[in-house]
Protein backbone atom coordinates (compact mmCIF):
# COMPACT_ATOMS: atom_id res chain seq x y z
CA UNK A 1 -28.01 -1.27 3.63
CA UNK A 2 -24.52 -0.44 4.99
CA UNK A 3 -22.17 -3.31 5.56
CA UNK A 4 -22.05 -4.48 9.14
CA UNK A 5 -18.62 -4.80 10.74
CA UNK A 6 -17.70 -7.11 13.62
CA UNK A 7 -13.90 -6.96 13.40
CA UNK A 8 -11.80 -4.29 11.66
CA UNK A 9 -8.05 -4.68 11.62
CA UNK A 10 -6.59 -1.20 11.98
CA UNK A 11 -2.94 -2.07 11.27
CA UNK A 12 -2.68 -4.38 8.26
CA UNK A 13 0.41 -4.33 5.99
CA UNK A 14 0.97 -4.96 2.36
CA UNK A 15 4.19 -5.63 0.33
CA UNK A 16 3.25 -5.67 -3.30
CA UNK A 17 5.26 -6.76 -6.22
CA UNK A 18 6.18 -3.53 -8.08
CA UNK A 19 5.81 -5.20 -11.42
CA UNK A 20 1.98 -5.00 -11.01
CA UNK A 21 1.95 -1.20 -10.71
CA UNK A 22 5.15 -0.03 -12.47
CA UNK A 23 3.23 0.57 -15.77
CA UNK A 24 1.57 3.53 -14.06
CA UNK A 25 4.87 5.29 -13.69
CA UNK A 26 5.54 7.77 -16.48
CA UNK A 27 7.39 6.17 -19.46
CA UNK A 28 10.45 8.40 -18.99
CA UNK A 29 11.04 6.94 -15.53
CA UNK A 30 9.88 3.39 -16.04
CA UNK A 31 13.37 1.85 -16.51
CA UNK A 32 14.45 3.31 -13.20
CA UNK A 33 11.18 2.60 -11.39
CA UNK A 34 11.01 -0.16 -8.75
CA UNK A 35 11.33 -3.67 -10.06
CA UNK A 36 11.33 -7.12 -8.65
CA UNK A 37 14.71 -8.96 -8.55
CA UNK A 38 15.68 -12.40 -7.30
CA UNK A 39 18.27 -12.66 -4.47
CA UNK A 40 20.88 -15.48 -4.54
CA UNK A 41 18.81 -17.51 -2.07
CA UNK A 42 15.70 -17.29 -4.28
CA UNK A 43 13.86 -14.68 -2.24
CA UNK A 44 12.32 -11.58 -3.90
CA UNK A 45 13.54 -8.08 -3.40
CA UNK A 46 12.69 -4.64 -4.87
CA UNK A 47 15.30 -2.33 -6.46
CA UNK A 48 14.73 1.27 -7.50
CA UNK A 49 17.01 3.38 -9.68
CA UNK A 50 19.85 0.85 -9.52
CA UNK A 51 19.96 0.95 -5.69
CA UNK A 52 20.32 -1.80 -3.13
CA UNK A 53 17.81 -4.64 -3.05
CA UNK A 54 15.08 -4.42 -0.37
CA UNK A 55 13.66 -7.83 0.61
CA UNK A 56 10.03 -8.34 1.55
CA UNK A 57 9.40 -6.66 4.83
CA UNK A 58 6.99 -7.12 7.71
CA UNK A 59 4.61 -9.43 5.88
CA UNK A 60 7.22 -12.17 5.45
CA UNK A 61 6.60 -13.39 9.03
CA UNK A 62 2.79 -13.77 8.72
CA UNK A 63 1.78 -17.38 9.47
CA UNK A 64 5.40 -18.45 9.77
CA UNK A 65 6.49 -20.07 13.03
CA UNK A 66 9.27 -18.16 14.80
CA UNK A 67 11.54 -21.20 14.59
CA UNK A 68 11.03 -21.33 10.83
CA UNK A 69 11.71 -17.61 9.97
CA UNK A 70 15.43 -18.24 9.22
CA UNK A 71 14.52 -21.06 6.84
CA UNK A 72 11.96 -19.00 4.95
CA UNK A 73 12.59 -17.89 1.37
CA UNK A 74 10.03 -15.09 1.04
CA UNK A 75 8.59 -14.42 -2.40
CA UNK A 76 5.70 -12.31 -3.60
CA UNK A 77 3.81 -15.60 -4.43
CA UNK A 78 4.41 -17.31 -1.09
CA UNK A 79 4.02 -14.69 1.63
CA UNK A 80 0.70 -13.55 3.10
CA UNK A 81 -0.02 -9.89 2.29
CA UNK A 82 1.92 -9.82 -0.93
CA UNK A 83 -0.65 -11.17 -3.39
CA UNK A 84 -3.72 -10.11 -5.26
CA UNK A 85 -6.75 -8.33 -3.70
CA UNK A 86 -8.59 -11.60 -3.81
CA UNK A 87 -5.84 -13.35 -1.85
CA UNK A 88 -6.14 -10.60 0.73
CA UNK A 89 -9.87 -10.99 0.91
CA UNK A 90 -9.54 -14.73 1.36
CA UNK A 91 -7.05 -14.14 4.16
CA UNK A 92 -9.52 -11.82 5.85
CA UNK A 93 -12.14 -14.59 5.78
CA UNK A 94 -9.63 -17.03 7.21
CA UNK A 95 -8.74 -14.63 9.98
CA UNK A 96 -12.30 -13.62 10.74
CA UNK A 97 -11.73 -9.94 9.76
CA UNK A 98 -14.40 -7.88 8.02
CA UNK A 99 -12.15 -5.04 6.92
CA UNK A 100 -8.53 -3.94 7.05
CA UNK A 101 -6.83 -0.57 7.17
CA UNK A 102 -3.72 -1.40 5.09
CA UNK A 103 -0.34 0.37 5.27
CA UNK A 104 2.77 -0.09 3.14
CA UNK A 105 6.46 0.69 3.83
CA UNK A 106 7.18 1.22 0.17
CA UNK A 107 7.99 4.96 0.74
CA UNK A 108 11.33 3.97 2.34
CA UNK A 109 12.25 1.87 -0.68
CA UNK A 110 11.18 4.63 -3.08
CA UNK A 111 13.18 7.26 -1.18
CA UNK A 112 16.37 5.45 -2.05
CA UNK A 113 16.38 7.29 -5.35
CA UNK A 114 18.03 10.65 -5.27
CA UNK A 115 15.79 11.85 -8.13
CA UNK A 116 12.91 13.76 -6.48
CA UNK A 117 10.83 13.76 -9.69
CA UNK A 118 11.09 9.93 -10.00
CA UNK A 119 10.31 9.60 -6.30
CA UNK A 120 7.15 11.72 -6.58
CA UNK A 121 6.00 9.94 -9.73
CA UNK A 122 6.45 6.53 -8.09
CA UNK A 123 4.41 7.66 -5.08
CA UNK A 124 1.65 8.94 -7.45
CA UNK A 125 1.62 5.69 -9.44
CA UNK A 126 1.55 3.53 -6.40
CA UNK A 127 -1.30 5.49 -4.74
CA UNK A 128 -3.18 5.45 -8.04
CA UNK A 129 -2.79 1.70 -8.28
CA UNK A 130 -4.11 1.17 -4.80
CA UNK A 131 -7.10 3.40 -5.24
CA UNK A 132 -8.07 2.31 -8.79
CA UNK A 133 -7.10 -1.37 -8.88
CA UNK A 134 -6.15 -2.92 -5.57
CA UNK A 135 -9.19 -1.66 -3.64
CA UNK A 136 -11.57 -1.99 -6.53
CA UNK A 137 -12.85 -5.53 -5.79
CA UNK A 138 -13.98 -4.56 -2.22
CA UNK A 139 -13.31 -0.95 -1.19
CA UNK A 140 -15.36 -1.43 1.92
CA UNK A 141 -12.96 -4.18 3.06
CA UNK A 142 -9.58 -3.18 1.57
CA UNK A 143 -8.92 0.25 2.91
CA UNK A 144 -5.42 1.27 1.73
CA UNK A 145 -3.70 4.26 3.23
CA UNK A 146 -1.92 6.32 0.61
CA UNK A 147 1.85 6.49 0.76
CA UNK A 148 3.13 9.96 1.64
CA UNK A 149 6.50 11.42 0.64
CA UNK A 150 9.18 11.97 3.33
CA UNK A 151 10.05 15.30 1.76
CA UNK A 152 8.24 18.61 2.42
CA UNK A 153 4.94 19.02 4.17
CA UNK A 154 3.62 20.95 1.17
CA UNK A 155 4.31 18.03 -1.10
CA UNK A 156 2.56 15.68 1.37
CA UNK A 157 -0.53 17.88 1.21
CA UNK A 158 -0.53 17.91 -2.60
CA UNK A 159 -0.18 14.15 -2.89
CA UNK A 160 -2.83 13.51 -0.13
CA UNK A 161 -5.29 15.81 -1.82
CA UNK A 162 -4.64 14.05 -5.17
CA UNK A 163 -5.15 10.65 -3.58
CA UNK A 164 -8.43 11.83 -1.98
CA UNK A 165 -9.63 13.14 -5.30
CA UNK A 166 -8.80 9.73 -6.88
CA UNK A 167 -10.76 7.95 -4.15
CA UNK A 168 -13.78 10.34 -4.64
CA UNK A 169 -13.68 9.72 -8.38
CA UNK A 170 -13.98 5.97 -7.59
CA UNK A 171 -16.75 6.73 -5.12
CA UNK A 172 -14.86 5.34 -2.16
CA UNK A 173 -17.58 4.23 0.20
CA UNK A 174 -16.33 5.98 3.36
CA UNK A 175 -20.00 6.24 4.41
CA UNK A 176 -20.29 2.46 4.62
CA UNK A 177 -17.82 2.18 7.46
CA UNK A 178 -18.99 2.34 11.06
CA UNK A 179 -20.14 5.93 11.79
CA UNK A 180 -17.46 6.57 14.47
CA UNK A 181 -14.63 5.31 12.20
CA UNK A 182 -16.13 7.27 9.23
CA UNK A 183 -16.23 10.53 11.31
CA UNK A 184 -12.66 9.98 12.48
CA UNK A 185 -11.34 9.42 8.95
CA UNK A 186 -13.17 12.51 7.78
CA UNK A 187 -11.83 14.50 10.77
CA UNK A 188 -8.31 13.23 10.19
CA UNK A 189 -8.59 14.13 6.47
CA UNK A 190 -9.66 17.62 7.15
CA UNK A 191 -7.39 18.39 10.09
CA UNK A 192 -4.26 16.94 8.43
CA UNK A 193 -4.74 18.21 4.87
CA UNK A 194 -6.55 21.46 5.06
CA UNK A 195 -5.65 23.03 8.40
CA UNK A 196 -2.65 25.30 8.68
CA UNK A 197 0.17 24.71 11.07
């Protein structure tokens, strides 16, 4: 029987520690791939290819009172939306959510490298991690949107097709979602990836 959904969050966000997916980057790029660094105040940031540190983004403010934002020292261990899939599932239960469509802003961090090959490989590695590991415990509840490159449209299509093939290989249960949502995702997939401009 298909899972019944009462509440689906259509705009969830994740900021993941790159150390948990960096091993998927090709060995020749791994030293320059994103890595976690500590800032002087103890907060976590991500650096790629020796660039500037990027602190934890939008998820840092989840469950933090507005008056306490300036006092917060965000780390991957302490912020909501930055932990393991199980942590995210527990947060869904706490919030009364049955499923989340999850987005990441990692592409802006990755684009800081000037090396297009490193950039493409990091996107591939990150999307592969999401599809094969992060979503694996509950793919019907953790629906991660793949990260698309900000370069050419042709490259976006290649990466999107690759991501969809990875999801198909893992038998992503798109059919278990509500029929209307399922149809919309399939429609978006077809119209965005296979139609010509």
